[in-house]
């Protein structure tokens, strides 16, 4: 598969909800692989709703405030800690609890 190839350090990976259907241990292993790719100079863009994944991101672009016609606007950008401080961000509210910032 693509993730098992030797990374060049110049690859841009886009993953759409890669944790869907995965066990917690599999998610942990996936995060290790993704972090290794980034450590080797690659870029990884993940579209995800799983807070265990979101809280480990280097940078978040939070779109919303809702889905469909009521969404698609940039609500917040930044590190998980920065997003957790944005009261308009639904993602931020959940991150705040996940990061123990309440």
PDB file of N, CA and C in Angstrom:
ATOM      1  N   UNK A   1       0.836  -1.191   0.000  1.00  0.00           N
ATOM      2  CA  UNK A   1       0.000   0.000   0.000  1.00  0.00           C
ATOM      3  C   UNK A   1       0.875   1.246   0.000  1.00  0.00           C
ATOM      4  N   UNK A   2       0.234   2.356  -0.239  1.00  0.00           N
ATOM      5  CA  UNK A   2       0.953   3.632  -0.343  1.00  0.00           C
ATOM      6  C   UNK A   2       1.707   3.976   0.938  1.00  0.00           C
ATOM      7  N   UNK A   3       1.095   3.761   2.095  1.00  0.00           N
ATOM      8  CA  UNK A   3       1.732   4.143   3.359  1.00  0.00           C
ATOM      9  C   UNK A   3       2.943   3.283   3.701  1.00  0.00           C
ATOM     10  N   UNK A   4       3.073   2.126   3.076  1.00  0.00           N
ATOM     11  CA  UNK A   4       4.222   1.268   3.369  1.00  0.00           C
ATOM     12  C   UNK A   4       5.391   1.501   2.414  1.00  0.00           C
ATOM     13  N   UNK A   5       5.208   2.362   1.423  1.00  0.00           N
ATOM     14  CA  UNK A   5       6.291   2.661   0.480  1.00  0.00           C
ATOM     15  C   UNK A   5       7.368   3.501   1.158  1.00  0.00           C
ATOM     16  N   UNK A   6       8.557   3.463   0.611  1.00  0.00           N
ATOM     17  CA  UNK A   6       9.632   4.309   1.117  1.00  0.00           C
ATOM     18  C   UNK A   6       9.275   5.758   0.799  1.00  0.00           C
ATOM     19  N   UNK A   7       9.180   6.579   1.832  1.00  0.00           N
ATOM     20  CA  UNK A   7       8.781   7.975   1.655  1.00  0.00           C
ATOM     21  C   UNK A   7       9.948   8.804   1.125  1.00  0.00           C
ATOM     22  N   UNK A   8       9.640   9.697   0.222  1.00  0.00           N
ATOM     23  CA  UNK A   8      10.669  10.549  -0.376  1.00  0.00           C
ATOM     24  C   UNK A   8      10.904  11.814   0.429  1.00  0.00           C
ATOM     25  N   UNK A   9       9.969  12.134   1.323  1.00  0.00           N
ATOM     26  CA  UNK A   9      10.057  13.401   2.038  1.00  0.00           C
ATOM     27  C   UNK A   9       9.429  14.528   1.253  1.00  0.00           C
ATOM     28  N   UNK A  10       8.869  14.208   0.103  1.00  0.00           N
ATOM     29  CA  UNK A  10       8.229  15.208  -0.751  1.00  0.00           C
ATOM     30  C   UNK A  10       6.801  14.817  -1.107  1.00  0.00           C
ATOM     31  N   UNK A  11       6.201  13.951  -0.326  1.00  0.00           N
ATOM     32  CA  UNK A  11       4.877  13.439  -0.663  1.00  0.00           C
ATOM     33  C   UNK A  11       3.814  14.134   0.175  1.00  0.00           C
ATOM     34  N   UNK A  12       2.673  14.424  -0.469  1.00  0.00           N
ATOM     35  CA  UNK A  12       1.523  15.035   0.193  1.00  0.00           C
ATOM     36  C   UNK A  12       0.429  13.975   0.247  1.00  0.00           C
ATOM     37  N   UNK A  13       0.151  13.478   1.449  1.00  0.00           N
ATOM     38  CA  UNK A  13      -0.867  12.453   1.652  1.00  0.00           C
ATOM     39  C   UNK A  13      -2.163  13.117   2.094  1.00  0.00           C
ATOM     40  N   UNK A  14      -3.288  12.706   1.500  1.00  0.00           N
ATOM     41  CA  UNK A  14      -4.612  13.175   1.910  1.00  0.00           C
ATOM     42  C   UNK A  14      -5.409  11.938   2.316  1.00  0.00           C
ATOM     43  N   UNK A  15      -5.856  11.917   3.572  1.00  0.00           N
ATOM     44  CA  UNK A  15      -6.609  10.774   4.094  1.00  0.00           C
ATOM     45  C   UNK A  15      -7.977  11.254   4.576  1.00  0.00           C
ATOM     46  N   UNK A  16      -9.037  10.651   4.062  1.00  0.00           N
ATOM     47  CA  UNK A  16     -10.402  11.019   4.428  1.00  0.00           C
ATOM     48  C   UNK A  16     -10.947  10.008   5.430  1.00  0.00           C
ATOM     49  N   UNK A  17     -11.050  10.430   6.675  1.00  0.00           N
ATOM     50  CA  UNK A  17     -11.543   9.622   7.787  1.00  0.00           C
ATOM     51  C   UNK A  17     -10.900   8.228   7.830  1.00  0.00           C
ATOM     52  N   UNK A  18      -9.587   8.187   7.956  1.00  0.00           N
ATOM     53  CA  UNK A  18      -8.878   6.900   7.919  1.00  0.00           C
ATOM     54  C   UNK A  18      -9.150   5.992   9.112  1.00  0.00           C
ATOM     55  N   UNK A  19      -9.745   6.514  10.186  1.00  0.00           N
ATOM     56  CA  UNK A  19      -9.960   5.683  11.371  1.00  0.00           C
ATOM     57  C   UNK A  19     -11.319   4.997  11.384  1.00  0.00           C
ATOM     58  N   UNK A  20     -12.163   5.271  10.404  1.00  0.00           N
ATOM     59  CA  UNK A  20     -13.496   4.674  10.378  1.00  0.00           C
ATOM     60  C   UNK A  20     -13.394   3.151  10.420  1.00  0.00           C
ATOM     61  N   UNK A  21     -14.035   2.563  11.433  1.00  0.00           N
ATOM     62  CA  UNK A  21     -14.065   1.112  11.572  1.00  0.00           C
ATOM     63  C   UNK A  21     -12.842   0.495  12.215  1.00  0.00           C
ATOM     64  N   UNK A  22     -11.874   1.309  12.598  1.00  0.00           N
ATOM     65  CA  UNK A  22     -10.648   0.765  13.197  1.00  0.00           C
ATOM     66  C   UNK A  22     -10.779   0.607  14.712  1.00  0.00           C
ATOM     67  N   UNK A  23     -10.120  -0.400  15.246  1.00  0.00           N
ATOM     68  CA  UNK A  23     -10.012  -0.616  16.685  1.00  0.00           C
ATOM     69  C   UNK A  23      -9.047   0.425  17.253  1.00  0.00           C
ATOM     70  N   UNK A  24      -9.156   0.710  18.544  1.00  0.00           N
ATOM     71  CA  UNK A  24      -8.295   1.710  19.182  1.00  0.00           C
ATOM     72  C   UNK A  24      -6.809   1.414  18.966  1.00  0.00           C
ATOM     73  N   UNK A  25      -6.423   0.139  19.054  1.00  0.00           N
ATOM     74  CA  UNK A  25      -5.013  -0.215  18.829  1.00  0.00           C
ATOM     75  C   UNK A  25      -4.584   0.065  17.392  1.00  0.00           C
ATOM     76  N   UNK A  26      -5.499  -0.163  16.453  1.00  0.00           N
ATOM     77  CA  UNK A  26      -5.189   0.122  15.048  1.00  0.00           C
ATOM     78  C   UNK A  26      -5.045   1.623  14.814  1.00  0.00           C
ATOM     79  N   UNK A  27      -5.860   2.410  15.501  1.00  0.00           N
ATOM     80  CA  UNK A  27      -5.759   3.871  15.390  1.00  0.00           C
ATOM     81  C   UNK A  27      -4.408   4.331  15.921  1.00  0.00           C
ATOM     82  N   UNK A  28      -3.993   3.767  17.040  1.00  0.00           N
ATOM     83  CA  UNK A  28      -2.690   4.110  17.615  1.00  0.00           C
ATOM     84  C   UNK A  28      -1.564   3.798  16.630  1.00  0.00           C
ATOM     85  N   UNK A  29      -1.636   2.640  15.991  1.00  0.00           N
ATOM     86  CA  UNK A  29      -0.616   2.259  15.009  1.00  0.00           C
ATOM     87  C   UNK A  29      -0.644   3.181  13.793  1.00  0.00           C
ATOM     88  N   UNK A  30      -1.845   3.534  13.339  1.00  0.00           N
ATOM     89  CA  UNK A  30      -1.969   4.454  12.208  1.00  0.00           C
ATOM     90  C   UNK A  30      -1.333   5.798  12.543  1.00  0.00           C
ATOM     91  N   UNK A  31      -1.589   6.306  13.744  1.00  0.00           N
ATOM     92  CA  UNK A  31      -1.000   7.586  14.152  1.00  0.00           C
ATOM     93  C   UNK A  31       0.523   7.508  14.179  1.00  0.00           C
ATOM     94  N   UNK A  32       1.071   6.383  14.601  1.00  0.00           N
ATOM     95  CA  UNK A  32       2.529   6.214  14.587  1.00  0.00           C
ATOM     96  C   UNK A  32       3.069   6.283  13.162  1.00  0.00           C
ATOM     97  N   UNK A  33       2.377   5.637  12.229  1.00  0.00           N
ATOM     98  CA  UNK A  33       2.799   5.665  10.822  1.00  0.00           C
ATOM     99  C   UNK A  33       2.721   7.086  10.277  1.00  0.00           C
ATOM    100  N   UNK A  34       1.621   7.779  10.563  1.00  0.00           N
ATOM    101  CA  UNK A  34       1.454   9.149  10.061  1.00  0.00           C
ATOM    102  C   UNK A  34       2.516  10.078  10.642  1.00  0.00           C
ATOM    103  N   UNK A  35       2.809   9.932  11.926  1.00  0.00           N
ATOM    104  CA  UNK A  35       3.849  10.760  12.544  1.00  0.00           C
ATOM    105  C   UNK A  35       5.218  10.475  11.943  1.00  0.00           C
ATOM    106  N   UNK A  36       5.487   9.226  11.623  1.00  0.00           N
ATOM    107  CA  UNK A  36       6.753   8.875  10.970  1.00  0.00           C
ATOM    108  C   UNK A  36       6.849   9.532   9.602  1.00  0.00           C
ATOM    109  N   UNK A  37       5.753   9.515   8.847  1.00  0.00           N
ATOM    110  CA  UNK A  37       5.742  10.173   7.536  1.00  0.00           C
ATOM    111  C   UNK A  37       6.064  11.659   7.666  1.00  0.00           C
ATOM    112  N   UNK A  38       5.459  12.311   8.650  1.00  0.00           N
ATOM    113  CA  UNK A  38       5.706  13.743   8.874  1.00  0.00           C
ATOM    114  C   UNK A  38       7.149  13.962   9.315  1.00  0.00           C
ATOM    115  N   UNK A  39       7.635  13.120  10.217  1.00  0.00           N
ATOM    116  CA  UNK A  39       9.019  13.245  10.685  1.00  0.00           C
ATOM    117  C   UNK A  39      10.024  13.128   9.542  1.00  0.00           C
ATOM    118  N   UNK A  40       9.643  12.427   8.488  1.00  0.00           N
ATOM    119  CA  UNK A  40      10.518  12.249   7.323  1.00  0.00           C
ATOM    120  C   UNK A  40      10.330  13.345   6.274  1.00  0.00           C
ATOM    121  N   UNK A  41       9.580  14.392   6.630  1.00  0.00           N
ATOM    122  CA  UNK A  41       9.455  15.540   5.741  1.00  0.00           C
ATOM    123  C   UNK A  41       8.243  15.555   4.840  1.00  0.00           C
ATOM    124  N   UNK A  42       7.356  14.586   4.981  1.00  0.00           N
ATOM    125  CA  UNK A  42       6.145  14.543   4.175  1.00  0.00           C
ATOM    126  C   UNK A  42       5.050  15.384   4.821  1.00  0.00           C
ATOM    127  N   UNK A  43       4.030  15.688   4.055  1.00  0.00           N
ATOM    128  CA  UNK A  43       2.864  16.410   4.554  1.00  0.00           C
ATOM    129  C   UNK A  43       1.688  15.452   4.583  1.00  0.00           C
ATOM    130  N   UNK A  44       0.940  15.464   5.693  1.00  0.00           N
ATOM    131  CA  UNK A  44      -0.224  14.593   5.836  1.00  0.00           C
ATOM    132  C   UNK A  44      -1.426  15.459   6.195  1.00  0.00           C
ATOM    133  N   UNK A  45      -2.437  15.423   5.341  1.00  0.00           N
ATOM    134  CA  UNK A  45      -3.706  16.115   5.582  1.00  0.00           C
ATOM    135  C   UNK A  45      -4.741  15.049   5.902  1.00  0.00           C
ATOM    136  N   UNK A  46      -5.365  15.158   7.077  1.00  0.00           N
ATOM    137  CA  UNK A  46      -6.341  14.164   7.508  1.00  0.00           C
ATOM    138  C   UNK A  46      -7.681  14.850   7.732  1.00  0.00           C
ATOM    139  N   UNK A  47      -8.717  14.349   7.081  1.00  0.00           N
ATOM    140  CA  UNK A  47     -10.084  14.799   7.327  1.00  0.00           C
ATOM    141  C   UNK A  47     -10.649  13.797   8.323  1.00  0.00           C
ATOM    142  N   UNK A  48     -11.007  14.272   9.518  1.00  0.00           N
ATOM    143  CA  UNK A  48     -11.326  13.332  10.589  1.00  0.00           C
ATOM    144  C   UNK A  48     -12.284  13.948  11.597  1.00  0.00           C
ATOM    145  N   UNK A  49     -13.086  13.077  12.243  1.00  0.00           N
ATOM    146  CA  UNK A  49     -13.977  13.485  13.326  1.00  0.00           C
ATOM    147  C   UNK A  49     -13.566  12.863  14.659  1.00  0.00           C
ATOM    148  N   UNK A  50     -12.610  11.969  14.646  1.00  0.00           N
ATOM    149  CA  UNK A  50     -12.173  11.259  15.840  1.00  0.00           C
ATOM    150  C   UNK A  50     -11.262  12.167  16.670  1.00  0.00           C
ATOM    151  N   UNK A  51     -11.714  12.486  17.886  1.00  0.00           N
ATOM    152  CA  UNK A  51     -10.955  13.399  18.750  1.00  0.00           C
ATOM    153  C   UNK A  51      -9.585  12.845  19.122  1.00  0.00           C
ATOM    154  N   UNK A  52      -9.442  11.522  19.199  1.00  0.00           N
ATOM    155  CA  UNK A  52      -8.129  10.948  19.503  1.00  0.00           C
ATOM    156  C   UNK A  52      -7.119  11.273  18.410  1.00  0.00           C
ATOM    157  N   UNK A  53      -7.596  11.437  17.194  1.00  0.00           N
ATOM    158  CA  UNK A  53      -6.727  11.814  16.078  1.00  0.00           C
ATOM    159  C   UNK A  53      -6.550  13.326  16.041  1.00  0.00           C
ATOM    160  N   UNK A  54      -7.648  14.049  16.155  1.00  0.00           N
ATOM    161  CA  UNK A  54      -7.608  15.513  16.052  1.00  0.00           C
ATOM    162  C   UNK A  54      -6.679  16.115  17.107  1.00  0.00           C
ATOM    163  N   UNK A  55      -6.734  15.587  18.331  1.00  0.00           N
ATOM    164  CA  UNK A  55      -5.927  16.181  19.404  1.00  0.00           C
ATOM    165  C   UNK A  55      -4.427  15.988  19.200  1.00  0.00           C
ATOM    166  N   UNK A  56      -4.035  15.101  18.284  1.00  0.00           N
ATOM    167  CA  UNK A  56      -2.608  14.889  18.018  1.00  0.00           C
ATOM    168  C   UNK A  56      -2.100  15.702  16.830  1.00  0.00           C
ATOM    169  N   UNK A  57      -2.979  16.462  16.200  1.00  0.00           N
ATOM    170  CA  UNK A  57      -2.603  17.216  14.997  1.00  0.00           C
ATOM    171  C   UNK A  57      -1.615  18.334  15.323  1.00  0.00           C
ATOM    172  N   UNK A  58      -0.752  18.624  14.367  1.00  0.00           N
ATOM    173  CA  UNK A  58       0.125  19.791  14.483  1.00  0.00           C
ATOM    174  C   UNK A  58      -0.669  21.062  14.227  1.00  0.00           C
ATOM    175  N   UNK A  59      -1.630  20.985  13.294  1.00  0.00           N
ATOM    176  CA  UNK A  59      -2.407  22.159  12.883  1.00  0.00           C
ATOM    177  C   UNK A  59      -3.800  21.704  12.486  1.00  0.00           C
ATOM    178  N   UNK A  60      -4.811  22.456  12.899  1.00  0.00           N
ATOM    179  CA  UNK A  60      -6.203  22.122  12.603  1.00  0.00           C
ATOM    180  C   UNK A  60      -6.837  23.258  11.821  1.00  0.00           C
ATOM    181  N   UNK A  61      -7.629  22.900  10.821  1.00  0.00           N
ATOM    182  CA  UNK A  61      -8.509  23.847  10.137  1.00  0.00           C
ATOM    183  C   UNK A  61      -9.915  23.349  10.430  1.00  0.00           C
ATOM    184  N   UNK A  62     -10.636  24.066  11.278  1.00  0.00           N
ATOM    185  CA  UNK A  62     -11.971  23.658  11.715  1.00  0.00           C
ATOM    186  C   UNK A  62     -13.012  24.332  10.831  1.00  0.00           C
ATOM    187  N   UNK A  63     -13.774  23.514  10.101  1.00  0.00           N
ATOM    188  CA  UNK A  63     -14.819  24.027   9.222  1.00  0.00           C
ATOM    189  C   UNK A  63     -16.175  23.838   9.881  1.00  0.00           C
ATOM    190  N   UNK A  64     -17.106  24.732   9.585  1.00  0.00           N
ATOM    191  CA  UNK A  64     -18.440  24.609  10.176  1.00  0.00           C
ATOM    192  C   UNK A  64     -19.262  25.834   9.892  1.00  0.00           C
ATOM    193  N   UNK A  65     -20.193  26.224  10.725  1.00  0.00           N
ATOM    194  CA  UNK A  65     -20.376  25.617  12.042  1.00  0.00           C
ATOM    195  C   UNK A  65     -21.159  24.302  12.002  1.00  0.00           C
ATOM    196  N   UNK A  66     -21.924  24.076  10.967  1.00  0.00           N
ATOM    197  CA  UNK A  66     -22.693  22.841  10.822  1.00  0.00           C
ATOM    198  C   UNK A  66     -22.189  22.101   9.590  1.00  0.00           C
ATOM    199  N   UNK A  67     -22.961  21.131   9.123  1.00  0.00           N
ATOM    200  CA  UNK A  67     -22.642  20.421   7.896  1.00  0.00           C
ATOM    201  C   UNK A  67     -23.494  20.923   6.742  1.00  0.00           C
ATOM    202  N   UNK A  68     -23.207  20.460   5.556  1.00  0.00           N
ATOM    203  CA  UNK A  68     -24.005  20.804   4.376  1.00  0.00           C
ATOM    204  C   UNK A  68     -24.031  22.291   4.101  1.00  0.00           C
ATOM    205  N   UNK A  69     -25.224  22.812   3.787  1.00  0.00           N
ATOM    206  CA  UNK A  69     -25.387  24.229   3.463  1.00  0.00           C
ATOM    207  C   UNK A  69     -25.048  25.148   4.634  1.00  0.00           C
ATOM    208  N   UNK A  70     -25.090  24.624   5.843  1.00  0.00           N
ATOM    209  CA  UNK A  70     -24.821  25.431   7.040  1.00  0.00           C
ATOM    210  C   UNK A  70     -23.348  25.385   7.452  1.00  0.00           C
ATOM    211  N   UNK A  71     -22.523  24.780   6.625  1.00  0.00           N
ATOM    212  CA  UNK A  71     -21.109  24.641   6.971  1.00  0.00           C
ATOM    213  C   UNK A  71     -20.205  25.183   5.891  1.00  0.00           C
ATOM    214  N   UNK A  72     -18.962  24.744   5.955  1.00  0.00           N
ATOM    215  CA  UNK A  72     -17.998  25.116   4.933  1.00  0.00           C
ATOM    216  C   UNK A  72     -17.246  26.396   5.194  1.00  0.00           C
ATOM    217  N   UNK A  73     -17.498  27.022   6.324  1.00  0.00           N
ATOM    218  CA  UNK A  73     -16.767  28.245   6.667  1.00  0.00           C
ATOM    219  C   UNK A  73     -15.643  27.890   7.645  1.00  0.00           C
ATOM    220  N   UNK A  74     -14.549  28.610   7.542  1.00  0.00           N
ATOM    221  CA  UNK A  74     -13.445  28.394   8.484  1.00  0.00           C
ATOM    222  C   UNK A  74     -13.844  29.021   9.819  1.00  0.00           C
ATOM    223  N   UNK A  75     -13.977  28.183  10.829  1.00  0.00           N
ATOM    224  CA  UNK A  75     -14.348  28.638  12.171  1.00  0.00           C
ATOM    225  C   UNK A  75     -13.097  28.979  12.976  1.00  0.00           C
ATOM    226  N   UNK A  76     -12.067  28.161  12.831  1.00  0.00           N
ATOM    227  CA  UNK A  76     -10.836  28.386  13.595  1.00  0.00           C
ATOM    228  C   UNK A  76      -9.683  27.644  12.931  1.00  0.00           C
ATOM    229  N   UNK A  77      -8.482  28.156  13.132  1.00  0.00           N
ATOM    230  CA  UNK A  77      -7.265  27.471  12.693  1.00  0.00           C
ATOM    231  C   UNK A  77      -6.241  27.573  13.816  1.00  0.00           C
ATOM    232  N   UNK A  78      -5.422  26.552  13.936  1.00  0.00           N
ATOM    233  CA  UNK A  78      -4.366  26.605  14.939  1.00  0.00           C
ATOM    234  C   UNK A  78      -4.047  25.238  15.500  1.00  0.00           C
ATOM    235  N   UNK A  79      -3.292  25.248  16.568  1.00  0.00           N
ATOM    236  CA  UNK A  79      -2.950  24.015  17.271  1.00  0.00           C
ATOM    237  C   UNK A  79      -4.191  23.524  18.017  1.00  0.00           C
ATOM    238  N   UNK A  80      -4.197  22.275  18.460  1.00  0.00           N
ATOM    239  CA  UNK A  80      -5.338  21.805  19.244  1.00  0.00           C
ATOM    240  C   UNK A  80      -5.630  22.702  20.455  1.00  0.00           C
ATOM    241  N   UNK A  81      -4.587  23.164  21.117  1.00  0.00           N
ATOM    242  CA  UNK A  81      -4.778  24.029  22.289  1.00  0.00           C
ATOM    243  C   UNK A  81      -5.407  25.365  21.897  1.00  0.00           C
ATOM    244  N   UNK A  82      -5.027  25.898  20.754  1.00  0.00           N
ATOM    245  CA  UNK A  82      -5.611  27.156  20.280  1.00  0.00           C
ATOM    246  C   UNK A  82      -7.073  26.962  19.887  1.00  0.00           C
ATOM    247  N   UNK A  83      -7.382  25.874  19.203  1.00  0.00           N
ATOM    248  CA  UNK A  83      -8.756  25.592  18.787  1.00  0.00           C
ATOM    249  C   UNK A  83      -9.649  25.431  20.014  1.00  0.00           C
ATOM    250  N   UNK A  84      -9.129  24.801  21.067  1.00  0.00           N
ATOM    251  CA  UNK A  84      -9.901  24.572  22.291  1.00  0.00           C
ATOM    252  C   UNK A  84     -10.328  25.871  22.960  1.00  0.00           C
ATOM    253  N   UNK A  85      -9.686  26.964  22.631  1.00  0.00           N
ATOM    254  CA  UNK A  85     -10.009  28.262  23.234  1.00  0.00           C
ATOM    255  C   UNK A  85     -10.994  29.082  22.401  1.00  0.00           C
ATOM    256  N   UNK A  86     -11.463  28.533  21.272  1.00  0.00           N
ATOM    257  CA  UNK A  86     -12.388  29.263  20.398  1.00  0.00           C
ATOM    258  C   UNK A  86     -13.814  28.835  20.744  1.00  0.00           C
ATOM    259  N   UNK A  87     -14.587  29.698  21.415  1.00  0.00           N
ATOM    260  CA  UNK A  87     -15.923  29.301  21.873  1.00  0.00           C
ATOM    261  C   UNK A  87     -16.901  28.968  20.742  1.00  0.00           C
ATOM    262  N   UNK A  88     -16.694  29.520  19.547  1.00  0.00           N
ATOM    263  CA  UNK A  88     -17.595  29.259  18.423  1.00  0.00           C
ATOM    264  C   UNK A  88     -17.344  27.897  17.778  1.00  0.00           C
ATOM    265  N   UNK A  89     -16.262  27.250  18.143  1.00  0.00           N
ATOM    266  CA  UNK A  89     -15.863  25.989  17.519  1.00  0.00           C
ATOM    267  C   UNK A  89     -16.426  24.795  18.288  1.00  0.00           C
ATOM    268  N   UNK A  90     -17.292  24.016  17.617  1.00  0.00           N
ATOM    269  CA  UNK A  90     -17.772  22.780  18.235  1.00  0.00           C
ATOM    270  C   UNK A  90     -16.599  21.838  18.489  1.00  0.00           C
ATOM    271  N   UNK A  91     -15.697  21.772  17.542  1.00  0.00           N
ATOM    272  CA  UNK A  91     -14.499  20.944  17.702  1.00  0.00           C
ATOM    273  C   UNK A  91     -13.711  21.409  18.918  1.00  0.00           C
ATOM    274  N   UNK A  92     -13.591  22.724  19.070  1.00  0.00           N
ATOM    275  CA  UNK A  92     -12.867  23.292  20.196  1.00  0.00           C
ATOM    276  C   UNK A  92     -13.451  22.898  21.534  1.00  0.00           C
ATOM    277  N   UNK A  93     -14.775  22.843  21.607  1.00  0.00           N
ATOM    278  CA  UNK A  93     -15.430  22.455  22.860  1.00  0.00           C
ATOM    279  C   UNK A  93     -15.048  21.031  23.256  1.00  0.00           C
ATOM    280  N   UNK A  94     -15.058  20.134  22.278  1.00  0.00           N
ATOM    281  CA  UNK A  94     -14.680  18.746  22.563  1.00  0.00           C
ATOM    282  C   UNK A  94     -13.187  18.625  22.856  1.00  0.00           C
ATOM    283  N   UNK A  95     -12.378  19.375  22.114  1.00  0.00           N
ATOM    284  CA  UNK A  95     -10.932  19.347  22.357  1.00  0.00           C
ATOM    285  C   UNK A  95     -10.601  19.843  23.757  1.00  0.00           C
ATOM    286  N   UNK A  96     -11.318  20.851  24.200  1.00  0.00           N
ATOM    287  CA  UNK A  96     -11.085  21.406  25.536  1.00  0.00           C
ATOM    288  C   UNK A  96     -11.192  20.301  26.587  1.00  0.00           C
ATOM    289  N   UNK A  97     -12.225  19.478  26.462  1.00  0.00           N
ATOM    290  CA  UNK A  97     -12.405  18.367  27.403  1.00  0.00           C
ATOM    291  C   UNK A  97     -11.325  17.300  27.198  1.00  0.00           C
ATOM    292  N   UNK A  98     -11.044  16.957  25.948  1.00  0.00           N
ATOM    293  CA  UNK A  98     -10.035  15.931  25.638  1.00  0.00           C
ATOM    294  C   UNK A  98      -8.651  16.313  26.161  1.00  0.00           C
ATOM    295  N   UNK A  99      -8.350  17.604  26.106  1.00  0.00           N
ATOM    296  CA  UNK A  99      -7.031  18.082  26.522  1.00  0.00           C
ATOM    297  C   UNK A  99      -6.981  18.446  28.005  1.00  0.00           C
ATOM    298  N   UNK A 100      -8.109  18.264  28.712  1.00  0.00           N
ATOM    299  CA  UNK A 100      -8.160  18.569  30.137  1.00  0.00           C
ATOM    300  C   UNK A 100      -8.047  20.045  30.444  1.00  0.00           C
ATOM    301  N   UNK A 101      -8.619  20.877  29.569  1.00  0.00           N
ATOM    302  CA  UNK A 101      -8.513  22.329  29.733  1.00  0.00           C
ATOM    303  C   UNK A 101      -9.765  22.941  30.357  1.00  0.00           C
ATOM    304  N   UNK A 102     -10.673  22.112  30.852  1.00  0.00           N
ATOM    305  CA  UNK A 102     -11.911  22.645  31.434  1.00  0.00           C
ATOM    306  C   UNK A 102     -11.718  23.040  32.870  1.00  0.00           C
TER     307      UNK A 102
END
